[in-house]
Amino acid sequence: MRQKLQTTVHNLTIQIKQKGQRFIQDERGEIMGSLGWMAIIAVVLVAIHGLLTGWLPTFINDIFAKMETLL
């Protein structure tokens, strides 16, 4: 009886471990995808804010002016 109970508990432990590993592996892609989309949205929001406040065009012009001085 005790041997059977230990075997059952051991098998359940293995199943739980395998299911947990599968869940983590499946969610890893979702987390990376979410982080990627958050980065894209952050860049878009900064660009919109820069256009609305006017600092983005002057920033881009400054960059091109510095590039022209290198030539």
Foldseek 3Di string as FASTA:
>chain_A
DVVVVVVVVVVVVVVVVVVVVVVVVVCVVVVVVVVVVVVVVVVVVVVVVCVVVVNVVVVVVVVVVVVVVVD
